[in-house]
Protein backbone atom coordinates (compact mmCIF):
# COMPACT_ATOMS: atom_id res chain seq x y z
CA UNK A 1 0.02 0.02 -0.31
CA UNK A 2 1.26 3.09 -0.24
CA UNK A 3 1.14 6.37 1.55
CA UNK A 4 -1.40 8.32 -0.79
CA UNK A 5 -4.17 4.77 -0.39
CA UNK A 6 -3.46 5.07 3.32
CA UNK A 7 -4.18 8.88 3.81
CA UNK A 8 -7.65 8.43 1.51
CA UNK A 9 -8.73 4.98 3.82
CA UNK A 10 -7.98 7.51 6.95
CA UNK A 11 -9.73 10.90 5.93
CA UNK A 12 -12.64 8.98 4.81
CA UNK A 13 -13.27 7.08 8.13
CA UNK A 14 -12.85 9.58 10.10
CA UNK A 15 -14.05 12.40 8.20
CA UNK A 16 -15.88 12.03 4.91
CA UNK A 17 -17.90 9.01 5.72
CA UNK A 18 -17.55 9.09 9.27
CA UNK A 19 -19.75 6.06 11.02
CA UNK A 20 -21.55 8.14 13.61
CA UNK A 21 -21.06 11.44 12.17
CA UNK A 22 -22.53 10.73 8.53
CA UNK A 23 -23.82 6.84 8.60
CA UNK A 24 -25.26 7.36 11.76
CA UNK A 25 -24.47 4.03 12.44
CA UNK A 26 -23.44 2.57 16.47
CA UNK A 27 -24.22 5.45 18.66
CA UNK A 28 -26.23 2.93 21.10
CA UNK A 29 -22.84 3.31 23.25
CA UNK A 30 -21.55 7.14 21.85
CA UNK A 31 -24.69 8.63 24.23
CA UNK A 32 -23.85 6.03 26.81
CA UNK A 33 -20.21 6.09 28.03
CA UNK A 34 -19.69 9.52 27.23
CA UNK A 35 -20.20 11.53 30.97
CA UNK A 36 -16.63 11.15 31.46
CA UNK A 37 -13.59 11.15 28.48
CA UNK A 38 -11.17 8.39 29.87
CA UNK A 39 -14.75 6.57 29.42
CA UNK A 40 -14.67 7.33 25.84
CA UNK A 41 -10.87 6.95 25.20
CA UNK A 42 -10.71 3.40 27.09
CA UNK A 43 -13.75 2.40 24.12
CA UNK A 44 -13.10 4.13 21.65
CA UNK A 45 -9.49 2.29 21.21
CA UNK A 46 -11.00 -0.97 22.26
CA UNK A 47 -13.50 -0.66 19.35
CA UNK A 48 -10.96 1.12 17.55
CA UNK A 49 -8.52 -2.20 18.12
CA UNK A 50 -11.62 -4.96 17.85
CA UNK A 51 -12.86 -3.37 14.25
CA UNK A 52 -9.49 -3.41 12.71
CA UNK A 53 -8.18 -6.60 14.17
CA UNK A 54 -11.91 -7.82 12.83
CA UNK A 55 -11.69 -6.75 9.23
CA UNK A 56 -8.09 -8.33 9.23
CA UNK A 57 -8.45 -11.65 9.67
CA UNK A 58 -11.84 -11.86 7.76
CA UNK A 59 -10.09 -10.71 4.86
CA UNK A 60 -7.66 -13.61 5.43
CA UNK A 61 -10.09 -15.59 5.36
CA UNK A 62 -12.70 -14.19 3.26
CA UNK A 63 -11.49 -16.81 0.28
CA UNK A 64 -11.91 -19.92 2.51
CA UNK A 65 -15.12 -18.70 4.33
CA UNK A 66 -18.70 -20.55 2.18
CA UNK A 67 -20.17 -17.43 1.64
CA UNK A 68 -23.99 -19.08 3.23
CA UNK A 69 -22.26 -18.79 6.66
CA UNK A 70 -20.04 -15.46 5.71
CA UNK A 71 -21.79 -13.55 8.79
CA UNK A 72 -21.66 -16.42 11.18
CA UNK A 73 -17.90 -16.57 11.02
CA UNK A 74 -17.69 -12.59 11.43
CA UNK A 75 -19.52 -12.50 14.76
CA UNK A 76 -17.52 -15.35 15.79
CA UNK A 77 -13.97 -13.37 14.63
CA UNK A 78 -16.03 -10.26 16.29
CA UNK A 79 -16.30 -11.96 19.72
CA UNK A 80 -12.87 -13.44 19.59
CA UNK A 81 -11.60 -10.20 19.88
CA UNK A 82 -13.98 -8.12 22.34
CA UNK A 83 -13.23 -11.23 24.94
CA UNK A 84 -10.00 -10.58 24.53
CA UNK A 85 -10.84 -6.72 25.05
CA UNK A 86 -12.86 -7.72 28.15
CA UNK A 87 -10.31 -9.87 29.94
CA UNK A 88 -7.98 -7.38 29.70
CA UNK A 89 -9.78 -4.61 30.94
CA UNK A 90 -10.75 -6.73 34.00
CA UNK A 91 -7.63 -8.03 34.79
CA UNK A 92 -5.67 -4.96 33.66
CA UNK A 93 -8.39 -2.09 34.31
CA UNK A 94 -10.60 -3.75 36.81
CA UNK A 95 -12.19 0.21 37.24
CA UNK A 96 -12.44 0.80 33.90
CA UNK A 97 -14.36 -2.13 33.13
CA UNK A 98 -16.76 -1.59 36.23
CA UNK A 99 -16.90 1.52 34.73
CA UNK A 100 -17.76 0.55 31.22
CA UNK A 101 -20.27 -2.12 32.45
CA UNK A 102 -21.66 -4.47 29.98
CA UNK A 103 -20.74 -1.74 27.13
CA UNK A 104 -17.51 -3.85 26.28
CA UNK A 105 -19.22 -6.50 25.46
CA UNK A 106 -22.24 -5.35 23.79
CA UNK A 107 -19.06 -4.03 21.01
CA UNK A 108 -20.08 -7.79 19.66
CA UNK A 109 -23.62 -6.14 18.31
CA UNK A 110 -21.41 -2.85 17.37
CA UNK A 111 -22.58 -1.76 13.75
CA UNK A 112 -19.57 -0.46 12.83
CA UNK A 113 -17.91 -3.64 13.52
CA UNK A 114 -20.57 -5.72 10.62
CA UNK A 115 -20.14 -3.12 8.51
CA UNK A 116 -17.02 -2.65 8.01
CA UNK A 117 -16.32 -6.68 8.06
CA UNK A 118 -19.43 -6.89 5.27
CA UNK A 119 -18.78 -4.20 3.47
CA UNK A 120 -14.80 -3.68 2.67
CA UNK A 121 -12.75 -6.08 4.70
CA UNK A 122 -14.85 -8.91 2.34
CA UNK A 123 -13.69 -8.13 -0.76
CA UNK A 124 -10.60 -5.68 -0.38
CA UNK A 125 -7.29 -7.26 0.86
CA UNK A 126 -5.55 -7.38 4.48
CA UNK A 127 -3.35 -4.71 4.86
CA UNK A 128 -6.10 -2.22 3.46
CA UNK A 129 -8.81 -3.82 5.70
CA UNK A 130 -6.50 -3.65 8.78
CA UNK A 131 -6.50 0.24 7.83
CA UNK A 132 -10.24 0.47 7.50
CA UNK A 133 -11.34 -1.16 10.69
CA UNK A 134 -9.05 1.51 12.35
CA UNK A 135 -9.60 4.37 11.10
CA UNK A 136 -14.18 4.11 11.38
CA UNK A 137 -12.49 3.22 14.66
CA UNK A 138 -10.24 6.18 15.32
CA UNK A 139 -14.03 8.29 14.04
CA UNK A 140 -16.15 6.70 16.60
CA UNK A 141 -13.82 7.64 18.93
CA UNK A 142 -13.24 11.43 17.73
CA UNK A 143 -17.31 11.59 18.17
CA UNK A 144 -16.70 9.59 21.59
CA UNK A 145 -13.90 12.31 22.65
CA UNK A 146 -16.36 15.02 21.83
CA UNK A 147 -19.23 14.41 23.63
CA UNK A 148 -17.60 13.65 26.85
CA UNK A 149 -15.17 16.75 26.88
CA UNK A 150 -18.50 18.91 26.70
CA UNK A 151 -20.17 16.37 29.33
CA UNK A 152 -17.43 16.46 31.53
CA UNK A 153 -16.13 20.15 31.34
CA UNK A 154 -20.05 21.50 32.68
CA UNK A 155 -21.28 18.47 34.50
CA UNK A 156 -18.21 17.93 36.19
CA UNK A 157 -15.80 20.90 35.92
CA UNK A 158 -13.13 18.53 34.77
CA UNK A 159 -10.84 16.36 31.54
CA UNK A 160 -9.37 13.72 32.18
CA UNK A 161 -10.37 13.70 35.70
CA UNK A 162 -8.14 17.33 35.92
CA UNK A 163 -11.03 19.86 38.15
CA UNK A 164 -10.24 23.07 35.92
CA UNK A 165 -13.05 24.66 36.75
CA UNK A 166 -13.42 26.24 40.92
CA UNK A 167 -16.11 24.28 43.25
CA UNK A 168 -18.15 28.13 43.26
CA UNK A 169 -19.19 27.21 39.30
CA UNK A 170 -22.53 25.80 39.12
CA UNK A 171 -22.34 22.61 37.59
CA UNK A 172 -24.79 21.71 35.09
CA UNK A 173 -26.41 18.21 36.51
CA UNK A 174 -28.35 17.49 33.11
CA UNK A 175 -24.31 16.89 31.05
CA UNK A 176 -23.96 14.17 33.67
CA UNK A 177 -27.23 12.56 32.56
CA UNK A 178 -28.07 10.46 29.44
CA UNK A 179 -30.18 12.04 27.64
CA UNK A 180 -27.13 15.03 27.17
CA UNK A 181 -25.82 12.58 25.11
CA UNK A 182 -28.35 12.82 22.48
CA UNK A 183 -28.90 17.02 22.07
CA UNK A 184 -24.76 17.16 21.66
CA UNK A 185 -24.55 14.27 19.49
CA UNK A 186 -27.28 15.96 17.23
CA UNK A 187 -25.20 19.94 17.43
CA UNK A 188 -22.17 17.86 16.84
CA UNK A 189 -23.79 16.16 13.78
CA UNK A 190 -25.28 19.31 12.49
CA UNK A 191 -21.94 21.56 12.12
CA UNK A 192 -20.60 18.69 10.98
CA UNK A 193 -22.64 17.61 7.80
CA UNK A 194 -23.33 21.51 7.31
CA UNK A 195 -20.13 22.02 6.63
CA UNK A 196 -19.50 18.84 4.97
CA UNK A 197 -22.46 19.97 2.41
CA UNK A 198 -21.08 23.41 2.50
CA UNK A 199 -17.83 22.13 1.14
CA UNK A 200 -19.48 19.92 -1.34
CA UNK A 201 -21.75 23.06 -2.74
CA UNK A 202 -19.05 24.86 -3.44
CA UNK A 203 -17.09 21.98 -5.30
CA UNK A 204 -19.62 22.37 -7.48
CA UNK A 205 -19.87 25.85 -8.14
CA UNK A 206 -16.38 25.16 -8.88
CA UNK A 207 -16.53 22.86 -11.79
């Protein structure tokens, strides 16, 4: 693979075809674990690794997987990597494992992973598939971190657990509650897609 191809894959996964902002998939965990930035970062890293290695494995096995069972094989592959991540968190980061609760296990059902496995890895070579999965995971993480930044700083007055707003400043209790994630995600999606469509219109006008 050339650097240009890798750059194109990452640009697509993070910006032009972001799984949450553009495809609007995988938003359940995006809304559930974004009250703190550290939670969002660990969840994002976990999903990025699972998506990247699942896509890599699916691509390696695609020529040896019968078509009528390929979906089951993909789910099995994803499950193996999710279990590995879950075991690692429980063994080395028990507090974070408790904080994320069942959402680590629910990575198995995340549409982003299955979407990249079926939509890209199933018909592309291993390395491009790996980078495609990683790019989609980073795009997902980017959105999680954006939401959690707003929620944590307004709800707790901190960033990554470090207090930056004096205790005398009133905290927004709403930001600690799950419904706040809906409003923040909607605002981010509106800003992002508005800018994206504006650039597309400007590109058409120049032509």
